Amino acid sequence: VAARTMNAFRLEAEDMPRIVDVMAQSFSKSDLNLENFSAAMANAGTAAATVGLSLEDTTSMIATLVDGFIPAAKAGTDVRVILQALNEEGLSLNEAFSIVEQSTDKLGTATELVGRRAAAALILLSGSRPKLLDLSMAFLDAGGKAKVMASIMDDTLVGDLFKVVSAAEGVAIAMSEHLEPSLRKIAQEAGAFL
């Protein structure tokens, strides 16, 4: 997921800690999780990067939509549709947000700007500017969040069980590598016998 996000936003390998930290922060600040972050970014990432939106701003838009009960894949598609429509109209997001906020017919205005499919998302986003700003700032300040989350998760019973399972898998791999020639020979002889 992080690698696909890196590619969508045309970032470099050295940006991977930033990407992972933004993801971790978005998981703790919204209803996003790894699965729906992936689904949303698959639909929105490239369009967002193309119009100059940062990873943090795009993630804040997706998080706001998901928190507003829009399924993640649709949220990503809606962000893409909004960005494409506004680009065609020569409008920035802030201009479109202001137009919708000032309208007495928000649904009609949003539909006119971005079409029926993404109108509700544009209305939700235009009415959520403070939240968008707060989330974007939190994501910009997310440095080290993934490490903190990992250490918290490691310091639980579940984390301890994952360590035990990991160690057991390591032993199983080592044993299978050591025993493979003998087991293979037994299997071959049994096959020849049958």
C-alpha atoms as a PDB file:
ATOM      1  CA  VAL A   1       0.000   0.000   0.000  1.00  0.00           C
ATOM      2  CA  ALA A   2       2.767   2.432   0.942  1.00  0.00           C
ATOM      3  CA  ALA A   3       4.682   1.643  -2.250  1.00  0.00           C
ATOM      4  CA  ARG A   4       1.593   2.203  -4.420  1.00  0.00           C
ATOM      5  CA  THR A   5       0.933   5.471  -2.590  1.00  0.00           C
ATOM      6  CA  MET A   6       4.549   6.494  -3.164  1.00  0.00           C
ATOM      7  CA  ASN A   7       4.132   5.828  -6.894  1.00  0.00           C
ATOM      8  CA  ALA A   8       0.772   7.615  -7.137  1.00  0.00           C
ATOM      9  CA  PHE A   9       2.212  10.766  -5.572  1.00  0.00           C
ATOM     10  CA  ARG A  10       5.489  10.446  -7.483  1.00  0.00           C
ATOM     11  CA  LEU A  11       7.460  10.357  -4.259  1.00  0.00           C
ATOM     12  CA  GLU A  12      10.861   8.779  -3.667  1.00  0.00           C
ATOM     13  CA  ALA A  13      11.958   5.843  -1.512  1.00  0.00           C
ATOM     14  CA  GLU A  14      13.297   8.254   1.099  1.00  0.00           C
ATOM     15  CA  ASP A  15       9.698   9.514   1.507  1.00  0.00           C
ATOM     16  CA  MET A  16       8.531   6.088   2.717  1.00  0.00           C
ATOM     17  CA  PRO A  17       8.729   6.997   6.454  1.00  0.00           C
ATOM     18  CA  ARG A  18       6.540  10.043   5.752  1.00  0.00           C
ATOM     19  CA  ILE A  19       4.009   7.910   3.877  1.00  0.00           C
ATOM     20  CA  VAL A  20       3.865   5.280   6.607  1.00  0.00           C
ATOM     21  CA  ASP A  21       3.563   7.961   9.311  1.00  0.00           C
ATOM     22  CA  VAL A  22       0.691   9.677   7.458  1.00  0.00           C
ATOM     23  CA  MET A  23      -1.034   6.322   7.093  1.00  0.00           C
ATOM     24  CA  ALA A  24      -0.571   5.507  10.793  1.00  0.00           C
ATOM     25  CA  GLN A  25      -1.780   8.935  11.854  1.00  0.00           C
ATOM     26  CA  SER A  26      -4.825   8.672   9.582  1.00  0.00           C
ATOM     27  CA  PHE A  27      -5.695   5.310  11.134  1.00  0.00           C
ATOM     28  CA  SER A  28      -5.645   6.854  14.613  1.00  0.00           C
ATOM     29  CA  LYS A  29      -7.416  10.132  13.704  1.00  0.00           C
ATOM     30  CA  SER A  30     -10.220   8.772  11.504  1.00  0.00           C
ATOM     31  CA  ASP A  31     -12.154   5.689  10.495  1.00  0.00           C
ATOM     32  CA  LEU A  32      -9.489   4.837   7.932  1.00  0.00           C
ATOM     33  CA  ASN A  33      -7.648   1.531   8.182  1.00  0.00           C
ATOM     34  CA  LEU A  34      -5.125  -0.158   5.926  1.00  0.00           C
ATOM     35  CA  GLU A  35      -7.730  -1.795   3.705  1.00  0.00           C
ATOM     36  CA  ASN A  36      -9.893   1.239   3.093  1.00  0.00           C
ATOM     37  CA  PHE A  37      -6.902   3.609   2.846  1.00  0.00           C
ATOM     38  CA  SER A  38      -5.625   1.371   0.043  1.00  0.00           C
ATOM     39  CA  ALA A  39      -8.999   1.295  -1.716  1.00  0.00           C
ATOM     40  CA  ALA A  40      -9.435   5.059  -1.522  1.00  0.00           C
ATOM     41  CA  MET A  41      -5.892   5.957  -2.580  1.00  0.00           C
ATOM     42  CA  ALA A  42      -6.090   3.577  -5.527  1.00  0.00           C
ATOM     43  CA  ASN A  43      -8.914   5.742  -6.853  1.00  0.00           C
ATOM     44  CA  ALA A  44      -7.753   9.212  -5.799  1.00  0.00           C
ATOM     45  CA  GLY A  45      -3.962   9.229  -5.519  1.00  0.00           C
ATOM     46  CA  THR A  46      -2.874   9.842  -9.082  1.00  0.00           C
ATOM     47  CA  ALA A  47      -5.485  12.511  -9.805  1.00  0.00           C
ATOM     48  CA  ALA A  48      -4.673  14.283  -6.543  1.00  0.00           C
ATOM     49  CA  ALA A  49      -0.952  14.285  -7.259  1.00  0.00           C
ATOM     50  CA  THR A  50      -1.581  15.465 -10.817  1.00  0.00           C
ATOM     51  CA  VAL A  51      -3.428  18.581  -9.640  1.00  0.00           C
ATOM     52  CA  GLY A  52      -0.796  19.254  -6.978  1.00  0.00           C
ATOM     53  CA  LEU A  53      -2.525  18.024  -3.824  1.00  0.00           C
ATOM     54  CA  SER A  54      -0.174  16.666  -1.192  1.00  0.00           C
ATOM     55  CA  LEU A  55      -0.449  13.211   0.324  1.00  0.00           C
ATOM     56  CA  GLU A  56      -1.503  14.860   3.579  1.00  0.00           C
ATOM     57  CA  ASP A  57      -4.278  16.976   2.021  1.00  0.00           C
ATOM     58  CA  THR A  58      -5.573  14.054  -0.028  1.00  0.00           C
ATOM     59  CA  THR A  59      -5.587  11.808   3.019  1.00  0.00           C
ATOM     60  CA  SER A  60      -7.478  14.453   5.010  1.00  0.00           C
ATOM     61  CA  MET A  61     -10.146  14.618   2.295  1.00  0.00           C
ATOM     62  CA  ILE A  62     -10.510  10.842   2.179  1.00  0.00           C
ATOM     63  CA  ALA A  63     -10.567  10.573   5.989  1.00  0.00           C
ATOM     64  CA  THR A  64     -13.274  13.240   6.210  1.00  0.00           C
ATOM     65  CA  LEU A  65     -15.427  11.444   3.647  1.00  0.00           C
ATOM     66  CA  VAL A  66     -14.957   8.054   5.307  1.00  0.00           C
ATOM     67  CA  ASP A  67     -15.813   9.596   8.686  1.00  0.00           C
ATOM     68  CA  GLY A  68     -18.950  10.940   6.959  1.00  0.00           C
ATOM     69  CA  PHE A  69     -20.065   7.377   6.164  1.00  0.00           C
ATOM     70  CA  ILE A  70     -18.957   7.330   2.549  1.00  0.00           C
ATOM     71  CA  PRO A  71     -17.323   3.965   1.775  1.00  0.00           C
ATOM     72  CA  ALA A  72     -13.588   4.305   1.179  1.00  0.00           C
ATOM     73  CA  ALA A  73     -13.485   3.195  -2.460  1.00  0.00           C
ATOM     74  CA  LYS A  74     -16.313   5.602  -3.286  1.00  0.00           C
ATOM     75  CA  ALA A  75     -14.604   8.359  -1.263  1.00  0.00           C
ATOM     76  CA  GLY A  76     -11.489   7.919  -3.384  1.00  0.00           C
ATOM     77  CA  THR A  77     -13.524   7.925  -6.576  1.00  0.00           C
ATOM     78  CA  ASP A  78     -15.438  10.999  -5.428  1.00  0.00           C
ATOM     79  CA  VAL A  79     -12.204  12.865  -4.702  1.00  0.00           C
ATOM     80  CA  ARG A  80     -10.956  11.973  -8.187  1.00  0.00           C
ATOM     81  CA  VAL A  81     -14.231  13.044  -9.829  1.00  0.00           C
ATOM     82  CA  ILE A  82     -14.257  16.320  -7.868  1.00  0.00           C
ATOM     83  CA  LEU A  83     -10.669  17.114  -8.810  1.00  0.00           C
ATOM     84  CA  GLN A  84     -11.228  16.265 -12.484  1.00  0.00           C
ATOM     85  CA  ALA A  85     -14.434  18.297 -12.724  1.00  0.00           C
ATOM     86  CA  LEU A  86     -12.953  21.309 -10.950  1.00  0.00           C
ATOM     87  CA  ASN A  87      -9.848  21.119 -13.127  1.00  0.00           C
ATOM     88  CA  GLU A  88     -12.046  21.193 -16.232  1.00  0.00           C
ATOM     89  CA  GLU A  89     -13.910  24.215 -14.828  1.00  0.00           C
ATOM     90  CA  GLY A  90     -10.671  25.978 -13.870  1.00  0.00           C
ATOM     91  CA  LEU A  91     -11.678  26.112 -10.203  1.00  0.00           C
ATOM     92  CA  SER A  92      -9.583  25.373  -7.127  1.00  0.00           C
ATOM     93  CA  LEU A  93     -10.937  23.291  -4.266  1.00  0.00           C
ATOM     94  CA  ASN A  94     -11.223  26.356  -2.057  1.00  0.00           C
ATOM     95  CA  GLU A  95     -13.162  28.228  -4.732  1.00  0.00           C
ATOM     96  CA  ALA A  96     -15.553  25.306  -5.144  1.00  0.00           C
ATOM     97  CA  PHE A  97     -15.926  24.957  -1.356  1.00  0.00           C
ATOM     98  CA  SER A  98     -16.826  28.655  -1.091  1.00  0.00           C
ATOM     99  CA  ILE A  99     -19.325  28.448  -3.958  1.00  0.00           C
ATOM    100  CA  VAL A 100     -21.082  25.465  -2.359  1.00  0.00           C
ATOM    101  CA  GLU A 101     -20.988  26.954   1.171  1.00  0.00           C
ATOM    102  CA  GLN A 102     -22.556  30.226  -0.025  1.00  0.00           C
ATOM    103  CA  SER A 103     -25.221  28.538  -2.138  1.00  0.00           C
ATOM    104  CA  THR A 104     -28.832  28.386  -1.002  1.00  0.00           C
ATOM    105  CA  ASP A 105     -29.173  25.197  -3.089  1.00  0.00           C
ATOM    106  CA  LYS A 106     -26.068  23.276  -2.060  1.00  0.00           C
ATOM    107  CA  LEU A 107     -27.093  20.041  -3.756  1.00  0.00           C
ATOM    108  CA  GLY A 108     -27.966  21.769  -7.024  1.00  0.00           C
ATOM    109  CA  THR A 109     -24.751  23.783  -6.972  1.00  0.00           C
ATOM    110  CA  ALA A 110     -22.558  20.808  -6.114  1.00  0.00           C
ATOM    111  CA  THR A 111     -24.247  18.691  -8.782  1.00  0.00           C
ATOM    112  CA  GLU A 112     -23.678  21.430 -11.342  1.00  0.00           C
ATOM    113  CA  LEU A 113     -19.993  21.663 -10.375  1.00  0.00           C
ATOM    114  CA  VAL A 114     -19.041  17.975 -10.136  1.00  0.00           C
ATOM    115  CA  GLY A 115     -21.993  15.850 -11.235  1.00  0.00           C
ATOM    116  CA  ARG A 116     -24.466  13.696  -9.343  1.00  0.00           C
ATOM    117  CA  ARG A 117     -22.004  11.004  -8.300  1.00  0.00           C
ATOM    118  CA  ALA A 118     -19.695  13.270  -6.279  1.00  0.00           C
ATOM    119  CA  ALA A 119     -22.065  16.083  -5.278  1.00  0.00           C
ATOM    120  CA  ALA A 120     -22.665  14.789  -1.739  1.00  0.00           C
ATOM    121  CA  ALA A 121     -18.923  14.402  -1.197  1.00  0.00           C
ATOM    122  CA  LEU A 122     -18.299  17.992  -2.326  1.00  0.00           C
ATOM    123  CA  ILE A 123     -21.008  19.228   0.060  1.00  0.00           C
ATOM    124  CA  LEU A 124     -19.484  17.253   2.941  1.00  0.00           C
ATOM    125  CA  LEU A 125     -15.974  18.508   2.187  1.00  0.00           C
ATOM    126  CA  SER A 126     -17.056  22.125   1.725  1.00  0.00           C
ATOM    127  CA  GLY A 127     -18.711  22.078   5.127  1.00  0.00           C
ATOM    128  CA  SER A 128     -15.681  20.453   6.762  1.00  0.00           C
ATOM    129  CA  ARG A 129     -12.904  22.942   6.089  1.00  0.00           C
ATOM    130  CA  PRO A 130     -11.813  23.208   9.750  1.00  0.00           C
ATOM    131  CA  LYS A 131     -11.620  19.415  10.006  1.00  0.00           C
ATOM    132  CA  LEU A 132      -9.716  19.190   6.717  1.00  0.00           C
ATOM    133  CA  LEU A 133      -7.204  21.730   7.981  1.00  0.00           C
ATOM    134  CA  ASP A 134      -6.844  20.011  11.372  1.00  0.00           C
ATOM    135  CA  LEU A 135      -6.299  16.615   9.764  1.00  0.00           C
ATOM    136  CA  SER A 136      -3.842  17.967   7.195  1.00  0.00           C
ATOM    137  CA  MET A 137      -1.831  19.611   9.976  1.00  0.00           C
ATOM    138  CA  ALA A 138      -1.899  16.415  12.047  1.00  0.00           C
ATOM    139  CA  PHE A 139      -0.709  14.419   9.043  1.00  0.00           C
ATOM    140  CA  LEU A 140       2.066  16.921   8.342  1.00  0.00           C
ATOM    141  CA  ASP A 141       3.133  16.518  11.964  1.00  0.00           C
ATOM    142  CA  ALA A 142       2.917  12.705  11.864  1.00  0.00           C
ATOM    143  CA  GLY A 143       6.674  12.048  12.032  1.00  0.00           C
ATOM    144  CA  GLY A 144       7.383   8.871  13.988  1.00  0.00           C
ATOM    145  CA  LYS A 145       3.704   7.964  14.460  1.00  0.00           C
ATOM    146  CA  ALA A 146       4.145   4.506  12.898  1.00  0.00           C
ATOM    147  CA  LYS A 147       6.952   3.645  15.342  1.00  0.00           C
ATOM    148  CA  VAL A 148       4.896   4.817  18.316  1.00  0.00           C
ATOM    149  CA  MET A 149       1.911   2.735  17.188  1.00  0.00           C
ATOM    150  CA  ALA A 150       4.115  -0.309  16.640  1.00  0.00           C
ATOM    151  CA  SER A 151       5.654  -0.026  20.100  1.00  0.00           C
ATOM    152  CA  ILE A 152       2.199   0.285  21.689  1.00  0.00           C
ATOM    153  CA  MET A 153       0.971  -2.758  19.779  1.00  0.00           C
ATOM    154  CA  ASP A 154       4.102  -4.723  20.681  1.00  0.00           C
ATOM    155  CA  ASP A 155       3.561  -3.974  24.387  1.00  0.00           C
ATOM    156  CA  THR A 156       0.343  -6.022  24.636  1.00  0.00           C
ATOM    157  CA  LEU A 157      -0.625  -9.664  24.949  1.00  0.00           C
ATOM    158  CA  VAL A 158      -1.354  -9.733  21.216  1.00  0.00           C
ATOM    159  CA  GLY A 159       2.105  -8.314  20.499  1.00  0.00           C
ATOM    160  CA  ASP A 160       3.670 -10.957  22.736  1.00  0.00           C
ATOM    161  CA  LEU A 161       1.705 -13.695  20.951  1.00  0.00           C
ATOM    162  CA  PHE A 162       2.846 -12.392  17.562  1.00  0.00           C
ATOM    163  CA  LYS A 163       6.443 -12.648  18.795  1.00  0.00           C
ATOM    164  CA  VAL A 164       5.856 -16.261  19.911  1.00  0.00           C
ATOM    165  CA  VAL A 165       4.246 -17.146  16.576  1.00  0.00           C
ATOM    166  CA  SER A 166       7.089 -15.467  14.698  1.00  0.00           C
ATOM    167  CA  ALA A 167       9.686 -17.376  16.712  1.00  0.00           C
ATOM    168  CA  ALA A 168       7.811 -20.663  16.139  1.00  0.00           C
ATOM    169  CA  GLU A 169       7.691 -19.962  12.402  1.00  0.00           C
ATOM    170  CA  GLY A 170      11.438 -19.343  12.456  1.00  0.00           C
ATOM    171  CA  VAL A 171      12.029 -22.668  14.194  1.00  0.00           C
ATOM    172  CA  ALA A 172       9.734 -24.458  11.718  1.00  0.00           C
ATOM    173  CA  ILE A 173      11.585 -22.947   8.764  1.00  0.00           C
ATOM    174  CA  ALA A 174      14.959 -23.881  10.211  1.00  0.00           C
ATOM    175  CA  MET A 175      13.777 -27.431  10.955  1.00  0.00           C
ATOM    176  CA  SER A 176      12.258 -27.868   7.504  1.00  0.00           C
ATOM    177  CA  GLU A 177      15.472 -26.671   5.862  1.00  0.00           C
ATOM    178  CA  HIS A 178      17.474 -29.103   7.990  1.00  0.00           C
ATOM    179  CA  LEU A 179      15.067 -32.025   7.622  1.00  0.00           C
ATOM    180  CA  GLU A 180      14.051 -31.419   4.005  1.00  0.00           C
ATOM    181  CA  PRO A 181      16.642 -33.744   2.415  1.00  0.00           C
ATOM    182  CA  SER A 182      15.667 -36.631   4.697  1.00  0.00           C
ATOM    183  CA  LEU A 183      11.927 -36.014   4.319  1.00  0.00           C
ATOM    184  CA  ARG A 184      12.272 -35.670   0.572  1.00  0.00           C
ATOM    185  CA  LYS A 185      14.148 -38.961   0.356  1.00  0.00           C
ATOM    186  CA  ILE A 186      11.418 -40.693   2.401  1.00  0.00           C
ATOM    187  CA  ALA A 187       8.722 -39.244   0.161  1.00  0.00           C
ATOM    188  CA  GLN A 188      10.562 -40.324  -2.994  1.00  0.00           C
ATOM    189  CA  GLU A 189      11.063 -43.855  -1.666  1.00  0.00           C
ATOM    190  CA  ALA A 190       7.417 -44.070  -0.617  1.00  0.00           C
ATOM    191  CA  GLY A 191       6.376 -42.885  -4.070  1.00  0.00           C
ATOM    192  CA  ALA A 192       8.596 -45.455  -5.748  1.00  0.00           C
ATOM    193  CA  PHE A 193       7.255 -48.203  -3.492  1.00  0.00           C
ATOM    194  CA  LEU A 194       3.625 -47.362  -4.216  1.00  0.00           C
END
